[in-house]
Every structure is written in structure tokens, then in C-alpha cells.
Amino acid sequence: MLQSTAKPQRKSVNTSIDSRLIEEAKALGINMSRAAEQGIAKAISAEKTRRWQEENKQALESSNDYVKRNGQPLAKYRLF
């Protein structure tokens, strides 16, 4: 998630959430702001990963093809 040592600035936002989820979260004592923040951080991380993989798809495929044809580089020096 967010890996910052400085205290993050908070900003109020309006959002619409299924009322059943709100009721259940309240009943369970879940901090909805923090839960939403964690969910958004997770979604950001997943999207950044997806975009990186897409942007580097050709290089990854090329590297995988090399390993398929030639084996792992320096494999004879591996101890495992």
C-alpha cells in the first residue's frame, strides 16, 4: 500500500456505496474511510502492475523465449 513516513494529507470526497455494505461495515465496526483507502491503494497497485506488464510485454516475451531456447543464464553456477 502507501509506503510513506510523512503523515498523509486527508481530503474529504463524496462517494456512493451500497447501503447494505455501509450497514454491515458499521455493525462490524469497520472504519469505512480506511477500508476504502486500502481498497483504492490496492486497485492503484494492481493497475500499475498491469500497465507495466503491458508496456514491457515484448521484452518479457523475448526474455522468456531466450530462456526456453538456451536455458537460464549462468545456471551452472546456481546452488539450488
Protein backbone atom coordinates (compact mmCIF):
# COMPACT_ATOMS: atom_id res chain seq x y z
CA MET A 1 0.00 0.00 0.00
CA LEU A 2 1.14 3.56 0.61
CA GLN A 3 4.69 3.46 1.99
CA SER A 4 5.24 6.96 3.31
CA THR A 5 6.80 8.12 6.55
CA ALA A 6 5.09 11.53 6.41
CA LYS A 7 1.51 11.70 7.68
CA PRO A 8 -0.71 11.69 4.57
CA GLN A 9 -2.99 14.62 3.97
CA ARG A 10 -6.62 13.63 4.06
CA LYS A 11 -9.23 15.01 1.69
CA SER A 12 -12.98 14.59 2.01
CA VAL A 13 -14.76 13.16 -1.02
CA ASN A 14 -18.33 12.22 -1.86
CA THR A 15 -18.95 8.66 -2.96
CA SER A 16 -21.88 6.31 -3.36
CA ILE A 17 -21.69 2.92 -1.66
CA ASP A 18 -24.24 0.13 -1.50
CA SER A 19 -26.31 0.82 1.64
CA ARG A 20 -26.16 -2.84 2.69
CA LEU A 21 -22.37 -2.64 2.74
CA ILE A 22 -22.49 0.51 4.85
CA GLU A 23 -24.83 -1.09 7.37
CA GLU A 24 -22.72 -4.23 7.62
CA ALA A 25 -19.47 -2.29 7.94
CA LYS A 26 -20.94 -0.15 10.73
CA ALA A 27 -22.24 -3.26 12.53
CA LEU A 28 -18.76 -4.79 12.37
CA GLY A 29 -17.01 -1.61 13.48
CA ILE A 30 -15.11 -1.22 10.22
CA ASN A 31 -13.60 2.20 9.53
CA MET A 32 -15.06 2.79 6.09
CA SER A 33 -12.67 5.60 5.19
CA ARG A 34 -9.63 3.42 5.91
CA ALA A 35 -11.18 0.40 4.21
CA ALA A 36 -11.93 2.48 1.11
CA GLU A 37 -8.42 3.95 1.19
CA GLN A 38 -6.89 0.46 1.36
CA GLY A 39 -9.10 -0.74 -1.49
CA ILE A 40 -8.15 2.23 -3.66
CA ALA A 41 -4.45 1.73 -2.88
CA LYS A 42 -4.76 -1.95 -3.85
CA ALA A 43 -6.55 -1.03 -7.10
CA ILE A 44 -3.84 1.52 -7.93
CA SER A 45 -1.11 -1.05 -7.34
CA ALA A 46 -2.88 -3.65 -9.50
CA GLU A 47 -3.39 -1.17 -12.34
CA LYS A 48 0.24 -0.01 -12.20
CA THR A 49 1.35 -3.66 -12.36
CA ARG A 50 -0.98 -4.36 -15.30
CA ARG A 51 0.27 -1.31 -17.20
CA TRP A 52 3.92 -2.15 -16.52
CA GLN A 53 3.38 -5.70 -17.78
CA GLU A 54 1.63 -4.39 -20.88
CA GLU A 55 4.35 -1.80 -21.57
CA ASN A 56 7.07 -4.43 -21.13
CA LYS A 57 5.26 -7.34 -22.76
CA GLN A 58 7.63 -7.56 -25.72
CA ALA A 59 10.75 -7.58 -23.52
CA LEU A 60 9.25 -10.19 -21.17
CA GLU A 61 8.29 -12.44 -24.08
CA SER A 62 11.74 -12.04 -25.60
CA SER A 63 13.41 -12.95 -22.32
CA ASN A 64 11.13 -15.96 -21.85
CA ASP A 65 11.86 -17.13 -25.40
CA TYR A 66 15.61 -16.84 -24.77
CA VAL A 67 15.33 -18.97 -21.62
CA LYS A 68 13.24 -21.58 -23.47
CA ARG A 69 15.87 -21.84 -26.21
CA ASN A 70 19.04 -21.52 -24.11
CA GLY A 71 18.14 -22.25 -20.51
CA GLN A 72 18.80 -19.97 -17.54
CA PRO A 73 21.85 -17.76 -17.92
CA LEU A 74 24.62 -18.85 -15.51
CA ALA A 75 22.56 -21.89 -14.50
CA LYS A 76 25.71 -23.92 -13.93
CA TYR A 77 26.65 -21.56 -11.06
CA ARG A 78 23.33 -21.87 -9.23
CA LEU A 79 23.47 -23.63 -5.89
CA PHE A 80 19.78 -24.55 -5.81
